Amino acid sequence: MSAAGSPFALPHLEVLESEAVHVFREVAGEFERPVLLFSGGKDSIVMLHLALKAFAPAPPPFALLHVDTGHNFPEVLAYRDRTVAEHGLRLHVASVQEAIDTGRVRERPDGTRNPLQTVPLLDAIARHRFDAVFGGGRRDEEKARAKERVFSLRDEFGGWDPRRQRPELWQLYNGRHAPGEHVRVFPLSNFTELDVWQYIAREKIELPAIYFAHEREVFSRNGMWLAPGAWGGPREDEEVRIRTVRYRTVGDMSCTGAVDSRAATTEEVIAEITASRLTERGATRADDRLSEAAMEDRKREGYF
């Protein structure tokens, strides 16, 4: 009898949960100063939920880190702060605005700050001497992310070289790194967007309301519905409308588009995703449309 047909085989979501819990515990045992990237987006919320499960009843043995662009959705920041307070967690915030003010990075003409997160992130890693950084990246999101291992070695400059990726046969992870290097760790690597939402439904995980259908002021730019904000939109020729939308992914307001949707519950979102033929990043992230290799170029520079 095949493993899939075995009476002892775990359901799909339990297999994914077990893999992620194993990764969290492996990192806790192998590294000295891990940290979990937490933005209040759905993937980081699921990642934190799994971390809480992995070490319950004790709290996770690491802090959270948010790279704040200064152009975040208010609902997401409110969720972030409420979650940190509820679980008594430690939160470090790396500020893009502070990096701009101190001359570490330059504001872009288009107002987009997502690509500017790399310098504040690397500064925070160096300042706090983090040697493992949990990220919520998944292989189904984008081609460069599909190349990542669960343990992704980064050099002393935070850069990623796909040629230095290590084999991970039988879920054996090699966290060895030289002084100054660190490892990015992706516990959700084998989840898909649909898996994430099905897990949210199964675990009854609360999300920011922005992920469900609501009326919002938006304007159209390059085929995407963007929200007005301090980042510089809209332009004079861009008309603001009120539409019923939701967000499939959440990032900097300047590059995260909403989708027309009536999905107001988790079950309705799952049905909508099941019928979709576009990935969440391909449909709603302008920063990934810059070029075919946009994400890979940023990852080589130290991006998430």
C-alpha atoms as a PDB file:
ATOM      1  CA  MET A   1       0.000   0.000   0.000  1.00  0.00           C
ATOM      2  CA  SER A   2       1.355   3.444  -0.906  1.00  0.00           C
ATOM      3  CA  ALA A   3       2.099   6.047   1.735  1.00  0.00           C
ATOM      4  CA  ALA A   4      -0.777   8.157   0.421  1.00  0.00           C
ATOM      5  CA  GLY A   5      -3.181   5.243   0.853  1.00  0.00           C
ATOM      6  CA  SER A   6      -1.810   4.137   4.198  1.00  0.00           C
ATOM      7  CA  PRO A   7      -4.207   4.284   7.148  1.00  0.00           C
ATOM      8  CA  PHE A   8      -1.359   5.909   9.070  1.00  0.00           C
ATOM      9  CA  ALA A   9      -0.765   8.724   6.547  1.00  0.00           C
ATOM     10  CA  LEU A  10      -1.315  12.232   7.918  1.00  0.00           C
ATOM     11  CA  PRO A  11      -3.731  14.631   6.197  1.00  0.00           C
ATOM     12  CA  HIS A  12      -2.054  17.145   3.883  1.00  0.00           C
ATOM     13  CA  LEU A  13      -2.278  20.147   6.226  1.00  0.00           C
ATOM     14  CA  GLU A  14      -0.959  18.136   9.162  1.00  0.00           C
ATOM     15  CA  VAL A  15       2.074  17.115   7.096  1.00  0.00           C
ATOM     16  CA  LEU A  16       2.792  20.782   6.292  1.00  0.00           C
ATOM     17  CA  GLU A  17       2.265  21.785   9.916  1.00  0.00           C
ATOM     18  CA  SER A  18       4.577  19.014  11.127  1.00  0.00           C
ATOM     19  CA  GLU A  19       7.310  20.085   8.675  1.00  0.00           C
ATOM     20  CA  ALA A  20       7.089  23.720   9.814  1.00  0.00           C
ATOM     21  CA  VAL A  21       7.114  22.838  13.509  1.00  0.00           C
ATOM     22  CA  HIS A  22      10.169  20.647  12.909  1.00  0.00           C
ATOM     23  CA  VAL A  23      11.947  23.567  11.195  1.00  0.00           C
ATOM     24  CA  PHE A  24      11.236  25.926  14.095  1.00  0.00           C
ATOM     25  CA  ARG A  25      12.539  23.452  16.649  1.00  0.00           C
ATOM     26  CA  GLU A  26      15.593  22.656  14.526  1.00  0.00           C
ATOM     27  CA  VAL A  27      16.518  26.347  14.342  1.00  0.00           C
ATOM     28  CA  ALA A  28      15.958  26.848  18.074  1.00  0.00           C
ATOM     29  CA  GLY A  29      18.369  23.999  18.786  1.00  0.00           C
ATOM     30  CA  GLU A  30      20.992  24.940  16.196  1.00  0.00           C
ATOM     31  CA  PHE A  31      21.217  28.768  16.285  1.00  0.00           C
ATOM     32  CA  GLU A  32      21.967  31.274  19.034  1.00  0.00           C
ATOM     33  CA  ARG A  33      19.980  34.368  17.999  1.00  0.00           C
ATOM     34  CA  PRO A  34      17.055  33.626  15.655  1.00  0.00           C
ATOM     35  CA  VAL A  35      14.369  36.207  14.836  1.00  0.00           C
ATOM     36  CA  LEU A  36      11.013  35.963  13.055  1.00  0.00           C
ATOM     37  CA  LEU A  37      10.051  38.505  10.397  1.00  0.00           C
ATOM     38  CA  PHE A  38       6.528  39.661  11.234  1.00  0.00           C
ATOM     39  CA  SER A  39       4.612  42.262   9.245  1.00  0.00           C
ATOM     40  CA  GLY A  40       1.011  41.435  10.122  1.00  0.00           C
ATOM     41  CA  GLY A  41       0.525  39.856   6.681  1.00  0.00           C
ATOM     42  CA  LYS A  42      -1.180  36.460   6.412  1.00  0.00           C
ATOM     43  CA  ASP A  43       1.997  34.414   5.819  1.00  0.00           C
ATOM     44  CA  SER A  44       3.814  35.911   8.800  1.00  0.00           C
ATOM     45  CA  ILE A  45       0.636  35.422  10.886  1.00  0.00           C
ATOM     46  CA  VAL A  46       0.529  31.720   9.992  1.00  0.00           C
ATOM     47  CA  MET A  47       4.274  31.462  10.637  1.00  0.00           C
ATOM     48  CA  LEU A  48       3.856  32.963  14.121  1.00  0.00           C
ATOM     49  CA  HIS A  49       0.900  30.668  14.824  1.00  0.00           C
ATOM     50  CA  LEU A  50       3.100  27.677  13.980  1.00  0.00           C
ATOM     51  CA  ALA A  51       5.932  29.011  16.148  1.00  0.00           C
ATOM     52  CA  LEU A  52       3.562  29.382  19.098  1.00  0.00           C
ATOM     53  CA  LYS A  53       2.466  25.775  18.553  1.00  0.00           C
ATOM     54  CA  ALA A  54       6.038  24.529  18.254  1.00  0.00           C
ATOM     55  CA  PHE A  55       7.075  25.742  21.695  1.00  0.00           C
ATOM     56  CA  ALA A  56       3.801  25.750  23.659  1.00  0.00           C
ATOM     57  CA  PRO A  57       3.212  26.178  26.531  1.00  0.00           C
ATOM     58  CA  ALA A  58       6.415  28.252  26.593  1.00  0.00           C
ATOM     59  CA  PRO A  59       6.673  31.356  24.383  1.00  0.00           C
ATOM     60  CA  PRO A  60       8.813  31.175  21.233  1.00  0.00           C
ATOM     61  CA  PRO A  61      12.509  31.571  22.143  1.00  0.00           C
ATOM     62  CA  PHE A  62      13.039  34.467  19.740  1.00  0.00           C
ATOM     63  CA  ALA A  63      11.828  37.991  19.048  1.00  0.00           C
ATOM     64  CA  LEU A  64       9.918  39.413  16.081  1.00  0.00           C
ATOM     65  CA  LEU A  65      11.300  41.873  13.535  1.00  0.00           C
ATOM     66  CA  HIS A  66       9.243  44.151  11.296  1.00  0.00           C
ATOM     67  CA  VAL A  67      10.847  46.160   8.501  1.00  0.00           C
ATOM     68  CA  ASP A  68       8.527  49.172   8.483  1.00  0.00           C
ATOM     69  CA  THR A  69       8.338  50.992   5.138  1.00  0.00           C
ATOM     70  CA  GLY A  70       6.354  53.890   6.605  1.00  0.00           C
ATOM     71  CA  HIS A  71       3.708  53.224   3.939  1.00  0.00           C
ATOM     72  CA  ASN A  72       1.898  50.381   5.656  1.00  0.00           C
ATOM     73  CA  PHE A  73      -1.825  49.736   5.731  1.00  0.00           C
ATOM     74  CA  PRO A  74      -3.178  50.976   9.100  1.00  0.00           C
ATOM     75  CA  GLU A  75      -5.242  47.797   9.612  1.00  0.00           C
ATOM     76  CA  VAL A  76      -2.109  45.682   9.345  1.00  0.00           C
ATOM     77  CA  LEU A  77      -0.073  47.761  11.799  1.00  0.00           C
ATOM     78  CA  ALA A  78      -2.946  47.671  14.293  1.00  0.00           C
ATOM     79  CA  TYR A  79      -3.073  43.876  13.983  1.00  0.00           C
ATOM     80  CA  ARG A  80       0.711  43.630  14.442  1.00  0.00           C
ATOM     81  CA  ASP A  81       0.698  45.639  17.664  1.00  0.00           C
ATOM     82  CA  ARG A  82      -2.364  43.845  19.053  1.00  0.00           C
ATOM     83  CA  THR A  83      -0.805  40.425  18.399  1.00  0.00           C
ATOM     84  CA  VAL A  84       2.519  41.353  20.005  1.00  0.00           C
ATOM     85  CA  ALA A  85       0.715  42.616  23.123  1.00  0.00           C
ATOM     86  CA  GLU A  86      -1.621  39.608  23.299  1.00  0.00           C
ATOM     87  CA  HIS A  87       1.208  37.059  23.319  1.00  0.00           C
ATOM     88  CA  GLY A  88       3.727  39.145  25.283  1.00  0.00           C
ATOM     89  CA  LEU A  89       6.289  39.028  22.478  1.00  0.00           C
ATOM     90  CA  ARG A  90       9.324  41.214  21.818  1.00  0.00           C
ATOM     91  CA  LEU A  91       9.187  43.300  18.654  1.00  0.00           C
ATOM     92  CA  HIS A  92      12.071  45.043  16.891  1.00  0.00           C
ATOM     93  CA  VAL A  93      11.186  47.585  14.211  1.00  0.00           C
ATOM     94  CA  ALA A  94      13.632  48.483  11.427  1.00  0.00           C
ATOM     95  CA  SER A  95      12.528  51.746   9.818  1.00  0.00           C
ATOM     96  CA  VAL A  96      12.897  52.589   6.131  1.00  0.00           C
ATOM     97  CA  GLN A  97      12.054  56.213   6.946  1.00  0.00           C
ATOM     98  CA  GLU A  98      14.927  56.346   9.420  1.00  0.00           C
ATOM     99  CA  ALA A  99      17.278  54.923   6.789  1.00  0.00           C
ATOM    100  CA  ILE A 100      16.138  57.653   4.369  1.00  0.00           C
ATOM    101  CA  ASP A 101      16.544  60.380   6.989  1.00  0.00           C
ATOM    102  CA  THR A 102      20.095  59.257   7.802  1.00  0.00           C
ATOM    103  CA  GLY A 103      21.103  58.948   4.142  1.00  0.00           C
ATOM    104  CA  ARG A 104      21.444  55.163   4.180  1.00  0.00           C
ATOM    105  CA  VAL A 105      18.991  54.853   1.269  1.00  0.00           C
ATOM    106  CA  ARG A 106      17.376  57.253  -1.199  1.00  0.00           C
ATOM    107  CA  GLU A 107      13.668  57.710  -1.777  1.00  0.00           C
ATOM    108  CA  ARG A 108      12.607  56.394  -5.188  1.00  0.00           C
ATOM    109  CA  PRO A 109      10.879  58.710  -7.697  1.00  0.00           C
ATOM    110  CA  ASP A 110       7.871  56.384  -7.876  1.00  0.00           C
ATOM    111  CA  GLY A 111       7.414  56.405  -4.082  1.00  0.00           C
ATOM    112  CA  THR A 112       7.785  52.630  -3.821  1.00  0.00           C
ATOM    113  CA  ARG A 113       9.646  51.598  -0.677  1.00  0.00           C
ATOM    114  CA  ASN A 114       9.536  47.802  -0.887  1.00  0.00           C
ATOM    115  CA  PRO A 115      12.983  47.626  -2.576  1.00  0.00           C
ATOM    116  CA  LEU A 116      14.337  49.963   0.128  1.00  0.00           C
ATOM    117  CA  GLN A 117      13.742  47.433   2.899  1.00  0.00           C
ATOM    118  CA  THR A 118      17.009  45.581   2.274  1.00  0.00           C
ATOM    119  CA  VAL A 119      19.346  48.077   3.984  1.00  0.00           C
ATOM    120  CA  PRO A 120      17.271  48.478   7.192  1.00  0.00           C
ATOM    121  CA  LEU A 121      16.875  44.692   7.362  1.00  0.00           C
ATOM    122  CA  LEU A 122      20.602  44.026   7.042  1.00  0.00           C
ATOM    123  CA  ASP A 123      21.365  46.825   9.528  1.00  0.00           C
ATOM    124  CA  ALA A 124      19.006  45.228  12.071  1.00  0.00           C
ATOM    125  CA  ILE A 125      20.519  41.771  11.522  1.00  0.00           C
ATOM    126  CA  ALA A 126      24.021  43.149  12.091  1.00  0.00           C
ATOM    127  CA  ARG A 127      23.023  45.321  15.069  1.00  0.00           C
ATOM    128  CA  HIS A 128      21.266  42.494  16.941  1.00  0.00           C
ATOM    129  CA  ARG A 129      23.631  39.768  15.673  1.00  0.00           C
ATOM    130  CA  PHE A 130      20.779  37.596  14.397  1.00  0.00           C
ATOM    131  CA  ASP A 131      22.137  34.370  12.929  1.00  0.00           C
ATOM    132  CA  ALA A 132      18.840  32.904  11.655  1.00  0.00           C
ATOM    133  CA  VAL A 133      15.950  34.912  10.214  1.00  0.00           C
ATOM    134  CA  PHE A 134      12.561  33.241   9.705  1.00  0.00           C
ATOM    135  CA  GLY A 135      10.705  34.474   6.630  1.00  0.00           C
ATOM    136  CA  GLY A 136       7.257  33.637   5.285  1.00  0.00           C
ATOM    137  CA  GLY A 137       8.320  33.048   1.662  1.00  0.00           C
ATOM    138  CA  ARG A 138       6.700  30.162  -0.198  1.00  0.00           C
ATOM    139  CA  ARG A 139       7.952  28.381  -3.321  1.00  0.00           C
ATOM    140  CA  ASP A 140       4.673  28.861  -5.201  1.00  0.00           C
ATOM    141  CA  GLU A 141       4.821  32.658  -4.996  1.00  0.00           C
ATOM    142  CA  GLU A 142       7.472  33.474  -7.556  1.00  0.00           C
ATOM    143  CA  LYS A 143      10.297  31.886  -9.606  1.00  0.00           C
ATOM    144  CA  ALA A 144      13.192  33.156  -7.481  1.00  0.00           C
ATOM    145  CA  ARG A 145      11.482  31.969  -4.291  1.00  0.00           C
ATOM    146  CA  ALA A 146      11.061  28.540  -5.868  1.00  0.00           C
ATOM    147  CA  LYS A 147      14.872  28.242  -5.981  1.00  0.00           C
ATOM    148  CA  GLU A 148      15.213  28.755  -2.226  1.00  0.00           C
ATOM    149  CA  ARG A 149      16.006  25.947   0.175  1.00  0.00           C
ATOM    150  CA  VAL A 150      14.299  25.885   3.585  1.00  0.00           C
ATOM    151  CA  PHE A 151      17.677  26.938   5.044  1.00  0.00           C
ATOM    152  CA  SER A 152      19.043  29.646   2.726  1.00  0.00           C
ATOM    153  CA  LEU A 153      22.624  30.694   3.436  1.00  0.00           C
ATOM    154  CA  ARG A 154      23.382  34.427   3.128  1.00  0.00           C
ATOM    155  CA  ASP A 155      26.904  35.824   2.888  1.00  0.00           C
ATOM    156  CA  GLU A 156      28.461  38.526   5.091  1.00  0.00           C
ATOM    157  CA  PHE A 157      26.725  41.176   2.973  1.00  0.00           C
ATOM    158  CA  GLY A 158      23.331  39.472   3.242  1.00  0.00           C
ATOM    159  CA  GLY A 159      23.486  38.359  -0.389  1.00  0.00           C
ATOM    160  CA  TRP A 160      21.979  35.165  -1.770  1.00  0.00           C
ATOM    161  CA  ASP A 161      23.866  32.952  -4.208  1.00  0.00           C
ATOM    162  CA  PRO A 162      21.796  30.073  -5.629  1.00  0.00           C
ATOM    163  CA  ARG A 163      25.026  28.158  -6.325  1.00  0.00           C
ATOM    164  CA  ARG A 164      25.701  27.953  -2.567  1.00  0.00           C
ATOM    165  CA  GLN A 165      22.360  26.338  -1.756  1.00  0.00           C
ATOM    166  CA  ARG A 166      22.756  23.104   0.163  1.00  0.00           C
ATOM    167  CA  PRO A 167      20.941  19.792  -0.365  1.00  0.00           C
ATOM    168  CA  GLU A 168      18.151  19.063   2.122  1.00  0.00           C
ATOM    169  CA  LEU A 169      17.541  15.347   1.669  1.00  0.00           C
ATOM    170  CA  TRP A 170      15.292  13.651   4.233  1.00  0.00           C
ATOM    171  CA  GLN A 171      14.608  17.026   5.910  1.00  0.00           C
ATOM    172  CA  LEU A 172      18.181  17.255   7.162  1.00  0.00           C
ATOM    173  CA  TYR A 173      19.142  20.930   7.408  1.00  0.00           C
ATOM    174  CA  ASN A 174      22.659  22.331   7.491  1.00  0.00           C
ATOM    175  CA  GLY A 175      22.812  25.617   9.383  1.00  0.00           C
ATOM    176  CA  ARG A 176      26.585  25.922   9.450  1.00  0.00           C
ATOM    177  CA  HIS A 177      27.742  29.439   8.622  1.00  0.00           C
ATOM    178  CA  ALA A 178      30.883  31.532   8.948  1.00  0.00           C
ATOM    179  CA  PRO A 179      31.141  34.608  11.231  1.00  0.00           C
ATOM    180  CA  GLY A 180      29.177  37.464   9.682  1.00  0.00           C
ATOM    181  CA  GLU A 181      26.982  35.141   7.609  1.00  0.00           C
ATOM    182  CA  HIS A 182      23.429  34.211   8.546  1.00  0.00           C
ATOM    183  CA  VAL A 183      20.704  31.846   7.378  1.00  0.00           C
ATOM    184  CA  ARG A 184      17.224  32.774   6.137  1.00  0.00           C
ATOM    185  CA  VAL A 185      14.754  30.073   7.127  1.00  0.00           C
ATOM    186  CA  PHE A 186      11.414  29.465   5.359  1.00  0.00           C
ATOM    187  CA  PRO A 187       9.087  27.184   7.356  1.00  0.00           C
ATOM    188  CA  LEU A 188       6.224  27.740   4.872  1.00  0.00           C
ATOM    189  CA  SER A 189       8.273  26.761   1.804  1.00  0.00           C
ATOM    190  CA  ASN A 190       6.009  23.861   0.834  1.00  0.00           C
ATOM    191  CA  PHE A 191       2.718  25.665   1.505  1.00  0.00           C
ATOM    192  CA  THR A 192       0.744  27.118  -1.404  1.00  0.00           C
ATOM    193  CA  GLU A 193      -1.541  30.148  -1.140  1.00  0.00           C
ATOM    194  CA  LEU A 194      -4.485  27.739  -0.994  1.00  0.00           C
ATOM    195  CA  ASP A 195      -2.774  25.689   1.752  1.00  0.00           C
ATOM    196  CA  VAL A 196      -2.265  28.856   3.789  1.00  0.00           C
ATOM    197  CA  TRP A 197      -5.940  29.773   3.566  1.00  0.00           C
ATOM    198  CA  GLN A 198      -7.107  26.232   4.301  1.00  0.00           C
ATOM    199  CA  TYR A 199      -4.820  26.180   7.341  1.00  0.00           C
ATOM    200  CA  ILE A 200      -6.207  29.557   8.459  1.00  0.00           C
ATOM    201  CA  ALA A 201      -9.715  28.094   8.183  1.00  0.00           C
ATOM    202  CA  ARG A 202      -8.803  24.917  10.055  1.00  0.00           C
ATOM    203  CA  GLU A 203      -7.040  26.756  12.873  1.00  0.00           C
ATOM    204  CA  LYS A 204      -9.578  29.630  12.970  1.00  0.00           C
ATOM    205  CA  ILE A 205      -6.757  32.191  12.770  1.00  0.00           C
ATOM    206  CA  GLU A 206      -7.804  35.841  12.912  1.00  0.00           C
ATOM    207  CA  LEU A 207      -6.549  38.062  10.066  1.00  0.00           C
ATOM    208  CA  PRO A 208      -6.636  41.813   9.413  1.00  0.00           C
ATOM    209  CA  ALA A 209      -9.944  42.817   7.793  1.00  0.00           C
ATOM    210  CA  ILE A 210      -8.021  43.995   4.716  1.00  0.00           C
ATOM    211  CA  TYR A 211      -7.887  40.362   3.481  1.00  0.00           C
ATOM    212  CA  PHE A 212     -11.674  40.227   3.120  1.00  0.00           C
ATOM    213  CA  ALA A 213     -14.045  42.149   0.843  1.00  0.00           C
ATOM    214  CA  HIS A 214     -14.645  45.738   1.947  1.00  0.00           C
ATOM    215  CA  GLU A 215     -15.357  49.093   0.342  1.00  0.00           C
ATOM    216  CA  ARG A 216     -12.213  51.147  -0.202  1.00  0.00           C
ATOM    217  CA  GLU A 217     -11.012  54.174  -2.110  1.00  0.00           C
ATOM    218  CA  VAL A 218      -8.747  53.001  -4.929  1.00  0.00           C
ATOM    219  CA  PHE A 219      -7.433  54.211  -8.259  1.00  0.00           C
ATOM    220  CA  SER A 220      -6.180  52.363 -11.306  1.00  0.00           C
ATOM    221  CA  ARG A 221      -2.486  52.314 -12.282  1.00  0.00           C
ATOM    222  CA  ASN A 222      -0.877  49.798 -14.638  1.00  0.00           C
ATOM    223  CA  GLY A 223      -3.883  47.525 -14.393  1.00  0.00           C
ATOM    224  CA  MET A 224      -3.895  47.435 -10.576  1.00  0.00           C
ATOM    225  CA  TRP A 225      -6.177  48.986  -7.943  1.00  0.00           C
ATOM    226  CA  LEU A 226      -3.921  50.963  -5.589  1.00  0.00           C
ATOM    227  CA  ALA A 227      -4.936  52.771  -2.404  1.00  0.00           C
ATOM    228  CA  PRO A 228      -4.323  56.526  -2.038  1.00  0.00           C
ATOM    229  CA  GLY A 229      -1.760  57.406   0.595  1.00  0.00           C
ATOM    230  CA  ALA A 230       1.159  59.503   1.743  1.00  0.00           C
ATOM    231  CA  TRP A 231       3.420  57.643  -0.682  1.00  0.00           C
ATOM    232  CA  GLY A 232       2.326  59.891  -3.560  1.00  0.00           C
ATOM    233  CA  GLY A 233      -0.727  58.390  -5.229  1.00  0.00           C
ATOM    234  CA  PRO A 234      -2.874  59.238  -7.061  1.00  0.00           C
ATOM    235  CA  ARG A 235      -1.605  61.507  -9.814  1.00  0.00           C
ATOM    236  CA  GLU A 236      -3.745  64.275 -11.301  1.00  0.00           C
ATOM    237  CA  ASP A 237      -4.975  62.046 -14.133  1.00  0.00           C
ATOM    238  CA  GLU A 238      -5.855  59.101 -11.854  1.00  0.00           C
ATOM    239  CA  GLU A 239      -9.453  58.983 -10.661  1.00  0.00           C
ATOM    240  CA  VAL A 240     -10.214  57.776  -7.143  1.00  0.00           C
ATOM    241  CA  ARG A 241     -13.194  55.435  -6.927  1.00  0.00           C
ATOM    242  CA  ILE A 242     -14.909  53.451  -4.210  1.00  0.00           C
ATOM    243  CA  ARG A 243     -14.910  49.739  -5.016  1.00  0.00           C
ATOM    244  CA  THR A 244     -15.500  46.490  -3.164  1.00  0.00           C
ATOM    245  CA  VAL A 245     -12.076  44.891  -2.979  1.00  0.00           C
ATOM    246  CA  ARG A 246      -9.811  42.729  -0.885  1.00  0.00           C
ATOM    247  CA  TYR A 247      -6.052  42.133  -0.723  1.00  0.00           C
ATOM    248  CA  ARG A 248      -4.437  38.796  -1.534  1.00  0.00           C
ATOM    249  CA  THR A 249      -1.045  39.906  -0.220  1.00  0.00           C
ATOM    250  CA  VAL A 250       0.016  42.899   1.854  1.00  0.00           C
ATOM    251  CA  GLY A 251       3.131  45.027   1.468  1.00  0.00           C
ATOM    252  CA  ASP A 252       4.004  48.653   0.849  1.00  0.00           C
ATOM    253  CA  MET A 253       0.856  50.600  -0.139  1.00  0.00           C
ATOM    254  CA  SER A 254       2.606  51.974  -3.219  1.00  0.00           C
ATOM    255  CA  CYS A 255       3.006  48.574  -4.894  1.00  0.00           C
ATOM    256  CA  THR A 256       0.326  46.327  -3.391  1.00  0.00           C
ATOM    257  CA  GLY A 257      -2.819  46.146  -5.471  1.00  0.00           C
ATOM    258  CA  ALA A 258      -6.321  45.138  -4.413  1.00  0.00           C
ATOM    259  CA  VAL A 259      -8.528  42.766  -6.371  1.00  0.00           C
ATOM    260  CA  ASP A 260     -12.244  43.136  -7.036  1.00  0.00           C
ATOM    261  CA  SER A 261     -13.899  40.632  -4.735  1.00  0.00           C
ATOM    262  CA  ARG A 262     -17.069  39.782  -2.830  1.00  0.00           C
ATOM    263  CA  ALA A 263     -15.289  37.180  -0.673  1.00  0.00           C
ATOM    264  CA  ALA A 264     -16.130  38.249   2.874  1.00  0.00           C
ATOM    265  CA  THR A 265     -15.346  35.006   4.717  1.00  0.00           C
ATOM    266  CA  THR A 266     -12.429  32.594   4.801  1.00  0.00           C
ATOM    267  CA  GLU A 267     -14.495  29.949   2.999  1.00  0.00           C
ATOM    268  CA  GLU A 268     -15.391  32.410   0.216  1.00  0.00           C
ATOM    269  CA  VAL A 269     -11.736  33.409  -0.154  1.00  0.00           C
ATOM    270  CA  ILE A 270     -10.766  29.731  -0.484  1.00  0.00           C
ATOM    271  CA  ALA A 271     -13.368  29.257  -3.221  1.00  0.00           C
ATOM    272  CA  GLU A 272     -12.077  32.373  -5.021  1.00  0.00           C
ATOM    273  CA  ILE A 273      -8.432  31.252  -4.869  1.00  0.00           C
ATOM    274  CA  THR A 274      -9.333  27.770  -6.086  1.00  0.00           C
ATOM    275  CA  ALA A 275     -10.787  29.297  -9.258  1.00  0.00           C
ATOM    276  CA  SER A 276      -7.935  31.787  -9.827  1.00  0.00           C
ATOM    277  CA  ARG A 277      -5.235  31.202 -12.441  1.00  0.00           C
ATOM    278  CA  LEU A 278      -2.975  34.064 -11.276  1.00  0.00           C
ATOM    279  CA  THR A 279      -0.521  33.876  -8.384  1.00  0.00           C
ATOM    280  CA  GLU A 280      -1.064  36.411  -5.633  1.00  0.00           C
ATOM    281  CA  ARG A 281       2.176  38.256  -6.382  1.00  0.00           C
ATOM    282  CA  GLY A 282       1.667  38.198 -10.128  1.00  0.00           C
ATOM    283  CA  ALA A 283      -1.798  39.668  -9.723  1.00  0.00           C
ATOM    284  CA  THR A 284      -1.174  42.270  -7.030  1.00  0.00           C
ATOM    285  CA  ARG A 285       2.499  43.208  -6.611  1.00  0.00           C
ATOM    286  CA  ALA A 286       3.828  45.932  -8.892  1.00  0.00           C
ATOM    287  CA  ASP A 287       7.382  45.552  -7.568  1.00  0.00           C
ATOM    288  CA  ASP A 288       7.543  42.033  -9.053  1.00  0.00           C
ATOM    289  CA  ARG A 289       6.578  43.351 -12.496  1.00  0.00           C
ATOM    290  CA  LEU A 290       9.710  45.471 -12.918  1.00  0.00           C
ATOM    291  CA  SER A 291      11.471  42.658 -14.787  1.00  0.00           C
ATOM    292  CA  GLU A 292      11.479  38.879 -15.134  1.00  0.00           C
ATOM    293  CA  ALA A 293      14.306  38.701 -12.596  1.00  0.00           C
ATOM    294  CA  ALA A 294      13.170  41.515 -10.264  1.00  0.00           C
ATOM    295  CA  MET A 295      12.850  39.342  -7.148  1.00  0.00           C
ATOM    296  CA  GLU A 296      16.026  37.356  -7.802  1.00  0.00           C
ATOM    297  CA  ASP A 297      18.049  40.565  -8.254  1.00  0.00           C
ATOM    298  CA  ARG A 298      16.769  41.880  -4.920  1.00  0.00           C
ATOM    299  CA  LYS A 299      17.439  38.589  -3.157  1.00  0.00           C
ATOM    300  CA  ARG A 300      21.060  38.667  -4.331  1.00  0.00           C
ATOM    301  CA  GLU A 301      21.319  42.075  -2.636  1.00  0.00           C
ATOM    302  CA  GLY A 302      19.923  40.777   0.657  1.00  0.00           C
ATOM    303  CA  TYR A 303      16.147  41.152   0.271  1.00  0.00           C
ATOM    304  CA  PHE A 304      13.748  38.771   2.051  1.00  0.00           C
END
